[in-house]
Amino acid sequence: MMLQQSALRSRPEPAPAMSLVGDDPGLSRDQLVERYSYLIKFVVGRLGVSVSGVFDHEDAMQAGAIGLLQAIDAYRPGMGASFASYAITRIRGAILDAVRSLDTVGRAGREAGRAIAEAIRELTASLGRPPVEAEVASHLGCSVERYRERLQGASVVTISLTELDRHDDDEAGAFDEVTPDPTAVDPAGEAVRLGVLESLTGAIGTLPQRQQLILSLYYREELTYREIAEVLGVTESRICQIHTEAVLSLRGRMLEPGEVARISSRRARR
């Protein structure tokens, strides 16, 4: 924990908040890209998307630049979100679209993700506790090394907790879509949000401590995979694998028949 606190203290200060694009009428498109380019680096560092020989860091940066340009062109003051928040969403979406456009990679990642999530769900039910990776690997009929490779492949399409409420990566309806606009007054929508968050919080509490720590550092402290790797003394790819395993485990838990029925019934009452 001392190492963790030290790493957090030594973490570079985030870039200063920038004014809204609408407040920079004198800047050219290129100047706006330069001003907000730090957002691309932030998103790429958070996603850690890499497919050896197919899609690397430079590819992710280029896709992110496209997303930033789209954000600059589409953003208007009064949207209810800061430009930085809006741009991060567009940048992230552009990177994931680029990865998923690689049909073979996307299909293999989805298949790996589904198989792992189902294996973890079945083992958790039979063992009465979250399985360790050797047990999941055995259940899938592969070695631990191969299991980690499959986790790495699944990370391409299983990126974030925001996708937990999706039954399939090709279907619409992500977890963040059940969260109402924070500026809107919608008691029914708020009930849905709180219910899903309650289920998610409970599910996270059942995860192994190492997975809980990584989720906390990633989502609460907003560290990148590389920063978390430095805190825990493992490789960046290993952090990516553990994060993916945690998200798949939560997906399997959240999409159990009972959870699906509860979330669906709440949506029906919106």
C-alpha atoms as a PDB file:
ATOM      1  CA  MET A   1       0.000   0.000   0.000  1.00  0.00           C
ATOM      2  CA  MET A   2       2.972   2.307   0.683  1.00  0.00           C
ATOM      3  CA  LEU A   3       4.062   1.741  -2.929  1.00  0.00           C
ATOM      4  CA  GLN A   4       0.549   2.483  -4.148  1.00  0.00           C
ATOM      5  CA  GLN A   5       0.367   5.783  -2.244  1.00  0.00           C
ATOM      6  CA  SER A   6       3.819   6.758  -3.450  1.00  0.00           C
ATOM      7  CA  ALA A   7       2.861   6.089  -7.054  1.00  0.00           C
ATOM      8  CA  LEU A   8      -0.316   8.137  -6.703  1.00  0.00           C
ATOM      9  CA  ARG A   9       1.609  11.057  -5.212  1.00  0.00           C
ATOM     10  CA  SER A  10       4.189  10.949  -8.010  1.00  0.00           C
ATOM     11  CA  ARG A  11       1.564  10.746 -10.729  1.00  0.00           C
ATOM     12  CA  PRO A  12       1.799  13.775 -13.069  1.00  0.00           C
ATOM     13  CA  GLU A  13      -0.805  16.451 -12.516  1.00  0.00           C
ATOM     14  CA  PRO A  14      -3.613  16.282 -15.097  1.00  0.00           C
ATOM     15  CA  ALA A  15      -3.626  18.826 -17.855  1.00  0.00           C
ATOM     16  CA  PRO A  16      -5.374  22.037 -16.868  1.00  0.00           C
ATOM     17  CA  ALA A  17      -9.016  22.370 -17.754  1.00  0.00           C
ATOM     18  CA  MET A  18      -9.467  23.968 -21.149  1.00  0.00           C
ATOM     19  CA  SER A  19     -12.130  26.431 -22.196  1.00  0.00           C
ATOM     20  CA  LEU A  20     -15.011  25.172 -24.287  1.00  0.00           C
ATOM     21  CA  VAL A  21     -14.436  25.014 -28.027  1.00  0.00           C
ATOM     22  CA  GLY A  22     -17.218  27.529 -28.473  1.00  0.00           C
ATOM     23  CA  ASP A  23     -15.152  29.981 -26.412  1.00  0.00           C
ATOM     24  CA  ASP A  24     -12.194  29.711 -28.803  1.00  0.00           C
ATOM     25  CA  PRO A  25     -13.599  31.259 -31.996  1.00  0.00           C
ATOM     26  CA  GLY A  26     -10.208  32.646 -32.966  1.00  0.00           C
ATOM     27  CA  LEU A  27      -8.472  29.259 -33.060  1.00  0.00           C
ATOM     28  CA  SER A  28      -8.192  27.188 -36.207  1.00  0.00           C
ATOM     29  CA  ARG A  29      -9.155  23.526 -36.341  1.00  0.00           C
ATOM     30  CA  ASP A  30      -5.468  22.552 -36.250  1.00  0.00           C
ATOM     31  CA  GLN A  31      -4.873  24.752 -33.216  1.00  0.00           C
ATOM     32  CA  LEU A  32      -7.804  23.160 -31.426  1.00  0.00           C
ATOM     33  CA  VAL A  33      -6.402  19.692 -32.187  1.00  0.00           C
ATOM     34  CA  GLU A  34      -3.057  20.741 -30.739  1.00  0.00           C
ATOM     35  CA  ARG A  35      -4.698  22.237 -27.664  1.00  0.00           C
ATOM     36  CA  TYR A  36      -6.738  19.117 -26.877  1.00  0.00           C
ATOM     37  CA  SER A  37      -4.327  16.445 -28.124  1.00  0.00           C
ATOM     38  CA  TYR A  38      -3.564  15.459 -24.520  1.00  0.00           C
ATOM     39  CA  LEU A  39      -7.041  13.895 -24.439  1.00  0.00           C
ATOM     40  CA  ILE A  40      -5.993  11.397 -27.130  1.00  0.00           C
ATOM     41  CA  LYS A  41      -2.980  10.305 -25.094  1.00  0.00           C
ATOM     42  CA  PHE A  42      -5.158  10.016 -21.999  1.00  0.00           C
ATOM     43  CA  VAL A  43      -7.743   7.790 -23.703  1.00  0.00           C
ATOM     44  CA  VAL A  44      -5.156   5.594 -25.441  1.00  0.00           C
ATOM     45  CA  GLY A  45      -3.336   5.111 -22.153  1.00  0.00           C
ATOM     46  CA  ARG A  46      -6.586   4.164 -20.420  1.00  0.00           C
ATOM     47  CA  LEU A  47      -7.740   1.700 -23.070  1.00  0.00           C
ATOM     48  CA  GLY A  48      -4.447  -0.087 -23.577  1.00  0.00           C
ATOM     49  CA  VAL A  49      -5.742  -1.445 -26.892  1.00  0.00           C
ATOM     50  CA  SER A  50      -3.109  -3.357 -28.832  1.00  0.00           C
ATOM     51  CA  VAL A  51      -3.298  -6.283 -31.219  1.00  0.00           C
ATOM     52  CA  SER A  52       0.165  -7.537 -32.108  1.00  0.00           C
ATOM     53  CA  GLY A  53       0.958  -7.066 -35.795  1.00  0.00           C
ATOM     54  CA  VAL A  54      -2.504  -5.664 -36.511  1.00  0.00           C
ATOM     55  CA  PHE A  55      -3.308  -2.639 -34.351  1.00  0.00           C
ATOM     56  CA  ASP A  56      -0.695  -0.851 -32.248  1.00  0.00           C
ATOM     57  CA  HIS A  57      -0.272   2.311 -30.185  1.00  0.00           C
ATOM     58  CA  GLU A  58       0.286   4.473 -33.255  1.00  0.00           C
ATOM     59  CA  ASP A  59      -2.885   3.140 -34.881  1.00  0.00           C
ATOM     60  CA  ALA A  60      -4.807   3.955 -31.709  1.00  0.00           C
ATOM     61  CA  MET A  61      -3.402   7.492 -31.660  1.00  0.00           C
ATOM     62  CA  GLN A  62      -4.432   8.036 -35.287  1.00  0.00           C
ATOM     63  CA  ALA A  63      -7.943   6.714 -34.675  1.00  0.00           C
ATOM     64  CA  GLY A  64      -8.163   8.903 -31.582  1.00  0.00           C
ATOM     65  CA  ALA A  65      -7.177  11.955 -33.627  1.00  0.00           C
ATOM     66  CA  ILE A  66     -10.102  11.255 -35.925  1.00  0.00           C
ATOM     67  CA  GLY A  67     -12.389  11.088 -32.905  1.00  0.00           C
ATOM     68  CA  LEU A  68     -11.042  14.416 -31.620  1.00  0.00           C
ATOM     69  CA  LEU A  69     -11.698  16.054 -35.001  1.00  0.00           C
ATOM     70  CA  GLN A  70     -15.244  14.691 -34.956  1.00  0.00           C
ATOM     71  CA  ALA A  71     -15.726  16.092 -31.454  1.00  0.00           C
ATOM     72  CA  ILE A  72     -14.433  19.523 -32.476  1.00  0.00           C
ATOM     73  CA  ASP A  73     -16.801  19.610 -35.455  1.00  0.00           C
ATOM     74  CA  ALA A  74     -19.857  18.331 -33.581  1.00  0.00           C
ATOM     75  CA  TYR A  75     -19.571  19.934 -30.145  1.00  0.00           C
ATOM     76  CA  ARG A  76     -21.777  22.885 -29.283  1.00  0.00           C
ATOM     77  CA  PRO A  77     -21.901  24.768 -25.965  1.00  0.00           C
ATOM     78  CA  GLY A  78     -25.023  23.906 -24.047  1.00  0.00           C
ATOM     79  CA  MET A  79     -24.796  20.173 -24.696  1.00  0.00           C
ATOM     80  CA  GLY A  80     -24.762  19.556 -20.945  1.00  0.00           C
ATOM     81  CA  ALA A  81     -21.183  18.283 -20.804  1.00  0.00           C
ATOM     82  CA  SER A  82     -17.756  19.885 -20.948  1.00  0.00           C
ATOM     83  CA  PHE A  83     -15.878  19.630 -24.224  1.00  0.00           C
ATOM     84  CA  ALA A  84     -13.247  17.413 -22.575  1.00  0.00           C
ATOM     85  CA  SER A  85     -15.878  14.899 -21.452  1.00  0.00           C
ATOM     86  CA  TYR A  86     -17.561  14.960 -24.843  1.00  0.00           C
ATOM     87  CA  ALA A  87     -14.262  14.584 -26.704  1.00  0.00           C
ATOM     88  CA  ILE A  88     -13.130  11.671 -24.536  1.00  0.00           C
ATOM     89  CA  THR A  89     -16.314   9.799 -25.474  1.00  0.00           C
ATOM     90  CA  ARG A  90     -15.821  10.490 -29.192  1.00  0.00           C
ATOM     91  CA  ILE A  91     -12.127   9.593 -29.084  1.00  0.00           C
ATOM     92  CA  ARG A  92     -12.822   6.345 -27.273  1.00  0.00           C
ATOM     93  CA  GLY A  93     -15.585   5.472 -29.715  1.00  0.00           C
ATOM     94  CA  ALA A  94     -13.372   6.157 -32.727  1.00  0.00           C
ATOM     95  CA  ILE A  95     -10.630   3.876 -31.377  1.00  0.00           C
ATOM     96  CA  LEU A  96     -13.043   1.043 -30.601  1.00  0.00           C
ATOM     97  CA  ASP A  97     -14.684   1.423 -34.021  1.00  0.00           C
ATOM     98  CA  ALA A  98     -11.254   1.134 -35.644  1.00  0.00           C
ATOM     99  CA  VAL A  99     -10.457  -2.033 -33.717  1.00  0.00           C
ATOM    100  CA  ARG A 100     -13.856  -3.600 -34.322  1.00  0.00           C
ATOM    101  CA  SER A 101     -13.616  -2.853 -38.021  1.00  0.00           C
ATOM    102  CA  LEU A 102     -10.955  -5.578 -38.074  1.00  0.00           C
ATOM    103  CA  ASP A 103     -13.545  -8.334 -38.492  1.00  0.00           C
ATOM    104  CA  THR A 104     -11.343 -11.270 -37.544  1.00  0.00           C
ATOM    105  CA  VAL A 105     -10.028  -9.569 -34.430  1.00  0.00           C
ATOM    106  CA  GLY A 106     -13.451  -8.354 -33.330  1.00  0.00           C
ATOM    107  CA  ARG A 107     -15.130 -11.727 -33.871  1.00  0.00           C
ATOM    108  CA  ALA A 108     -12.387 -13.647 -32.073  1.00  0.00           C
ATOM    109  CA  GLY A 109     -12.462 -11.182 -29.190  1.00  0.00           C
ATOM    110  CA  ARG A 110     -16.228 -11.458 -28.771  1.00  0.00           C
ATOM    111  CA  GLU A 111     -16.101 -15.260 -28.855  1.00  0.00           C
ATOM    112  CA  ALA A 112     -13.283 -15.325 -26.289  1.00  0.00           C
ATOM    113  CA  GLY A 113     -15.118 -12.865 -24.060  1.00  0.00           C
ATOM    114  CA  ARG A 114     -18.358 -14.827 -24.103  1.00  0.00           C
ATOM    115  CA  ALA A 115     -16.608 -18.132 -23.379  1.00  0.00           C
ATOM    116  CA  ILE A 116     -14.594 -16.702 -20.483  1.00  0.00           C
ATOM    117  CA  ALA A 117     -17.573 -14.898 -18.953  1.00  0.00           C
ATOM    118  CA  GLU A 118     -19.664 -18.060 -19.111  1.00  0.00           C
ATOM    119  CA  ALA A 119     -16.870 -20.176 -17.638  1.00  0.00           C
ATOM    120  CA  ILE A 120     -16.393 -17.771 -14.727  1.00  0.00           C
ATOM    121  CA  ARG A 121     -20.140 -17.634 -14.120  1.00  0.00           C
ATOM    122  CA  GLU A 122     -20.486 -21.432 -14.079  1.00  0.00           C
ATOM    123  CA  LEU A 123     -17.458 -21.931 -11.831  1.00  0.00           C
ATOM    124  CA  THR A 124     -18.580 -19.224  -9.407  1.00  0.00           C
ATOM    125  CA  ALA A 125     -21.948 -20.939  -9.102  1.00  0.00           C
ATOM    126  CA  SER A 126     -20.442 -24.391  -8.538  1.00  0.00           C
ATOM    127  CA  LEU A 127     -17.565 -23.351  -6.278  1.00  0.00           C
ATOM    128  CA  GLY A 128     -19.419 -20.716  -4.296  1.00  0.00           C
ATOM    129  CA  ARG A 129     -16.569 -18.262  -4.859  1.00  0.00           C
ATOM    130  CA  PRO A 130     -14.773 -16.550  -7.751  1.00  0.00           C
ATOM    131  CA  PRO A 131     -12.484 -19.049  -9.522  1.00  0.00           C
ATOM    132  CA  VAL A 132      -8.750 -18.539  -9.859  1.00  0.00           C
ATOM    133  CA  GLU A 133      -7.312 -18.337 -13.357  1.00  0.00           C
ATOM    134  CA  ALA A 134      -5.998 -21.918 -13.307  1.00  0.00           C
ATOM    135  CA  GLU A 135      -9.541 -23.164 -12.651  1.00  0.00           C
ATOM    136  CA  VAL A 136     -10.980 -21.075 -15.477  1.00  0.00           C
ATOM    137  CA  ALA A 137      -8.249 -22.272 -17.823  1.00  0.00           C
ATOM    138  CA  SER A 138      -8.953 -25.910 -16.899  1.00  0.00           C
ATOM    139  CA  HIS A 139     -12.684 -25.363 -17.427  1.00  0.00           C
ATOM    140  CA  LEU A 140     -11.937 -23.973 -20.895  1.00  0.00           C
ATOM    141  CA  GLY A 141      -9.566 -26.852 -21.627  1.00  0.00           C
ATOM    142  CA  CYS A 142      -6.463 -24.760 -22.102  1.00  0.00           C
ATOM    143  CA  SER A 143      -3.269 -23.778 -20.298  1.00  0.00           C
ATOM    144  CA  VAL A 144      -3.000 -20.689 -18.098  1.00  0.00           C
ATOM    145  CA  GLU A 145      -0.768 -19.106 -20.741  1.00  0.00           C
ATOM    146  CA  ARG A 146      -3.364 -19.699 -23.425  1.00  0.00           C
ATOM    147  CA  TYR A 147      -6.089 -18.414 -21.112  1.00  0.00           C
ATOM    148  CA  ARG A 148      -4.164 -15.166 -20.662  1.00  0.00           C
ATOM    149  CA  GLU A 149      -3.811 -14.875 -24.432  1.00  0.00           C
ATOM    150  CA  ARG A 150      -7.581 -15.247 -24.760  1.00  0.00           C
ATOM    151  CA  LEU A 151      -8.062 -12.553 -22.116  1.00  0.00           C
ATOM    152  CA  GLN A 152      -5.798 -10.282 -24.120  1.00  0.00           C
ATOM    153  CA  GLY A 153      -7.880 -10.949 -27.223  1.00  0.00           C
ATOM    154  CA  ALA A 154     -11.123 -10.325 -25.333  1.00  0.00           C
ATOM    155  CA  SER A 155      -9.783  -7.002 -24.075  1.00  0.00           C
ATOM    156  CA  VAL A 156     -10.117  -5.651 -27.613  1.00  0.00           C
ATOM    157  CA  VAL A 157     -13.904  -5.733 -27.377  1.00  0.00           C
ATOM    158  CA  THR A 158     -14.382  -5.883 -23.583  1.00  0.00           C
ATOM    159  CA  ILE A 159     -12.961  -2.561 -22.570  1.00  0.00           C
ATOM    160  CA  SER A 160     -14.995  -1.016 -19.817  1.00  0.00           C
ATOM    161  CA  LEU A 161     -17.572  -1.388 -17.098  1.00  0.00           C
ATOM    162  CA  THR A 162     -19.774   0.892 -19.232  1.00  0.00           C
ATOM    163  CA  GLU A 163     -20.539  -2.099 -21.468  1.00  0.00           C
ATOM    164  CA  LEU A 164     -21.696  -4.445 -18.712  1.00  0.00           C
ATOM    165  CA  ASP A 165     -25.370  -4.167 -19.590  1.00  0.00           C
ATOM    166  CA  ARG A 166     -24.940  -5.328 -23.151  1.00  0.00           C
ATOM    167  CA  HIS A 167     -26.078  -8.824 -24.054  1.00  0.00           C
ATOM    168  CA  ASP A 168     -23.823  -8.774 -27.094  1.00  0.00           C
ATOM    169  CA  ASP A 169     -21.215  -6.382 -28.412  1.00  0.00           C
ATOM    170  CA  ASP A 170     -23.186  -5.937 -31.624  1.00  0.00           C
ATOM    171  CA  GLU A 171     -26.363  -4.891 -29.831  1.00  0.00           C
ATOM    172  CA  ALA A 172     -27.297  -1.391 -28.776  1.00  0.00           C
ATOM    173  CA  GLY A 173     -27.826  -0.541 -25.144  1.00  0.00           C
ATOM    174  CA  ALA A 174     -24.798  -0.046 -22.945  1.00  0.00           C
ATOM    175  CA  PHE A 175     -24.689   0.281 -19.165  1.00  0.00           C
ATOM    176  CA  ASP A 176     -24.208   4.033 -19.377  1.00  0.00           C
ATOM    177  CA  GLU A 177     -27.376   4.330 -21.432  1.00  0.00           C
ATOM    178  CA  VAL A 178     -29.470   3.471 -18.367  1.00  0.00           C
ATOM    179  CA  THR A 179     -27.877   6.384 -16.538  1.00  0.00           C
ATOM    180  CA  PRO A 180     -30.067   9.456 -16.968  1.00  0.00           C
ATOM    181  CA  ASP A 181     -28.845  12.864 -18.061  1.00  0.00           C
ATOM    182  CA  PRO A 182     -27.563  14.430 -14.823  1.00  0.00           C
ATOM    183  CA  THR A 183     -29.382  17.656 -15.708  1.00  0.00           C
ATOM    184  CA  ALA A 184     -32.721  15.897 -16.200  1.00  0.00           C
ATOM    185  CA  VAL A 185     -35.310  15.337 -13.472  1.00  0.00           C
ATOM    186  CA  ASP A 186     -36.400  11.732 -13.944  1.00  0.00           C
ATOM    187  CA  PRO A 187     -37.246   9.819 -10.731  1.00  0.00           C
ATOM    188  CA  ALA A 188     -37.904   6.585 -12.626  1.00  0.00           C
ATOM    189  CA  GLY A 189     -34.604   6.852 -14.459  1.00  0.00           C
ATOM    190  CA  GLU A 190     -32.808   7.586 -11.210  1.00  0.00           C
ATOM    191  CA  ALA A 191     -34.323   4.439  -9.706  1.00  0.00           C
ATOM    192  CA  VAL A 192     -32.950   2.441 -12.630  1.00  0.00           C
ATOM    193  CA  ARG A 193     -29.507   3.988 -12.223  1.00  0.00           C
ATOM    194  CA  LEU A 194     -29.367   3.356  -8.487  1.00  0.00           C
ATOM    195  CA  GLY A 195     -30.605  -0.202  -8.910  1.00  0.00           C
ATOM    196  CA  VAL A 196     -27.966  -1.055 -11.485  1.00  0.00           C
ATOM    197  CA  LEU A 197     -25.238   0.632  -9.434  1.00  0.00           C
ATOM    198  CA  GLU A 198     -26.353  -1.292  -6.359  1.00  0.00           C
ATOM    199  CA  SER A 199     -26.117  -4.585  -8.251  1.00  0.00           C
ATOM    200  CA  LEU A 200     -22.750  -3.622  -9.707  1.00  0.00           C
ATOM    201  CA  THR A 201     -21.344  -2.566  -6.333  1.00  0.00           C
ATOM    202  CA  GLY A 202     -22.434  -5.854  -4.799  1.00  0.00           C
ATOM    203  CA  ALA A 203     -20.904  -7.823  -7.651  1.00  0.00           C
ATOM    204  CA  ILE A 204     -17.590  -5.956  -7.377  1.00  0.00           C
ATOM    205  CA  GLY A 205     -17.482  -6.842  -3.686  1.00  0.00           C
ATOM    206  CA  THR A 206     -17.379 -10.547  -4.578  1.00  0.00           C
ATOM    207  CA  LEU A 207     -14.282 -10.210  -6.767  1.00  0.00           C
ATOM    208  CA  PRO A 208     -10.792 -11.195  -5.578  1.00  0.00           C
ATOM    209  CA  GLN A 209      -8.983  -8.360  -3.799  1.00  0.00           C
ATOM    210  CA  ARG A 210      -6.448  -7.915  -6.607  1.00  0.00           C
ATOM    211  CA  GLN A 211      -9.206  -7.376  -9.166  1.00  0.00           C
ATOM    212  CA  GLN A 212     -11.013  -4.967  -6.841  1.00  0.00           C
ATOM    213  CA  LEU A 213      -7.802  -2.975  -6.372  1.00  0.00           C
ATOM    214  CA  ILE A 214      -7.204  -2.729 -10.114  1.00  0.00           C
ATOM    215  CA  LEU A 215     -10.781  -1.616 -10.766  1.00  0.00           C
ATOM    216  CA  SER A 216     -10.427   1.007  -8.023  1.00  0.00           C
ATOM    217  CA  LEU A 217      -7.148   2.341  -9.406  1.00  0.00           C
ATOM    218  CA  TYR A 218      -8.522   2.345 -12.950  1.00  0.00           C
ATOM    219  CA  TYR A 219     -11.981   3.846 -12.408  1.00  0.00           C
ATOM    220  CA  ARG A 220     -11.690   5.792  -9.149  1.00  0.00           C
ATOM    221  CA  GLU A 221      -8.087   7.012  -9.341  1.00  0.00           C
ATOM    222  CA  GLU A 222      -8.147   7.087 -13.181  1.00  0.00           C
ATOM    223  CA  LEU A 223      -4.684   5.580 -13.531  1.00  0.00           C
ATOM    224  CA  THR A 224      -3.635   4.109 -16.858  1.00  0.00           C
ATOM    225  CA  TYR A 225      -2.643   0.462 -17.252  1.00  0.00           C
ATOM    226  CA  ARG A 226       1.004   1.510 -17.235  1.00  0.00           C
ATOM    227  CA  GLU A 227       0.634   3.448 -13.980  1.00  0.00           C
ATOM    228  CA  ILE A 228      -1.194   0.562 -12.320  1.00  0.00           C
ATOM    229  CA  ALA A 229       1.511  -1.814 -13.516  1.00  0.00           C
ATOM    230  CA  GLU A 230       4.128   0.371 -11.828  1.00  0.00           C
ATOM    231  CA  VAL A 231       2.111   0.378  -8.593  1.00  0.00           C
ATOM    232  CA  LEU A 232       1.697  -3.412  -8.514  1.00  0.00           C
ATOM    233  CA  GLY A 233       5.052  -4.344 -10.026  1.00  0.00           C
ATOM    234  CA  VAL A 234       3.722  -6.356 -12.969  1.00  0.00           C
ATOM    235  CA  THR A 235       3.575  -5.799 -16.711  1.00  0.00           C
ATOM    236  CA  GLU A 236       1.097  -3.505 -18.413  1.00  0.00           C
ATOM    237  CA  SER A 237      -0.313  -6.426 -20.406  1.00  0.00           C
ATOM    238  CA  ARG A 238      -0.926  -8.354 -17.175  1.00  0.00           C
ATOM    239  CA  ILE A 239      -2.953  -5.443 -15.789  1.00  0.00           C
ATOM    240  CA  CYS A 240      -4.957  -5.420 -19.016  1.00  0.00           C
ATOM    241  CA  GLN A 241      -5.640  -9.150 -18.631  1.00  0.00           C
ATOM    242  CA  ILE A 242      -6.742  -8.860 -14.988  1.00  0.00           C
ATOM    243  CA  HIS A 243      -8.968  -5.885 -15.784  1.00  0.00           C
ATOM    244  CA  THR A 244     -10.585  -7.810 -18.634  1.00  0.00           C
ATOM    245  CA  GLU A 245     -11.083 -10.861 -16.398  1.00  0.00           C
ATOM    246  CA  ALA A 246     -12.760  -8.672 -13.760  1.00  0.00           C
ATOM    247  CA  VAL A 247     -15.090  -7.029 -16.292  1.00  0.00           C
ATOM    248  CA  LEU A 248     -16.023 -10.382 -17.830  1.00  0.00           C
ATOM    249  CA  SER A 249     -16.686 -11.792 -14.375  1.00  0.00           C
ATOM    250  CA  LEU A 250     -18.958  -8.840 -13.606  1.00  0.00           C
ATOM    251  CA  ARG A 251     -20.667  -9.170 -16.965  1.00  0.00           C
ATOM    252  CA  GLY A 252     -21.461 -12.803 -16.255  1.00  0.00           C
ATOM    253  CA  ARG A 253     -22.822 -11.835 -12.835  1.00  0.00           C
ATOM    254  CA  MET A 254     -24.854  -8.863 -14.066  1.00  0.00           C
ATOM    255  CA  LEU A 255     -26.318 -10.796 -16.979  1.00  0.00           C
ATOM    256  CA  GLU A 256     -27.511 -13.759 -14.939  1.00  0.00           C
ATOM    257  CA  PRO A 257     -31.206 -14.352 -15.682  1.00  0.00           C
ATOM    258  CA  GLY A 258     -32.317 -12.764 -12.425  1.00  0.00           C
ATOM    259  CA  GLU A 259     -30.267  -9.622 -12.960  1.00  0.00           C
ATOM    260  CA  VAL A 260     -31.428  -9.261 -16.567  1.00  0.00           C
ATOM    261  CA  ALA A 261     -35.060  -9.603 -15.502  1.00  0.00           C
ATOM    262  CA  ARG A 262     -34.655  -7.018 -12.733  1.00  0.00           C
ATOM    263  CA  ILE A 263     -32.965  -4.455 -14.996  1.00  0.00           C
ATOM    264  CA  SER A 264     -35.457  -5.069 -17.788  1.00  0.00           C
ATOM    265  CA  SER A 265     -38.426  -4.615 -15.455  1.00  0.00           C
ATOM    266  CA  ARG A 266     -36.977  -1.350 -14.197  1.00  0.00           C
ATOM    267  CA  ARG A 267     -36.542  -0.119 -17.770  1.00  0.00           C
ATOM    268  CA  ALA A 268     -40.147  -1.033 -18.567  1.00  0.00           C
ATOM    269  CA  ARG A 269     -41.325   1.246 -15.762  1.00  0.00           C
ATOM    270  CA  ARG A 270     -39.322   4.247 -16.992  1.00  0.00           C
END
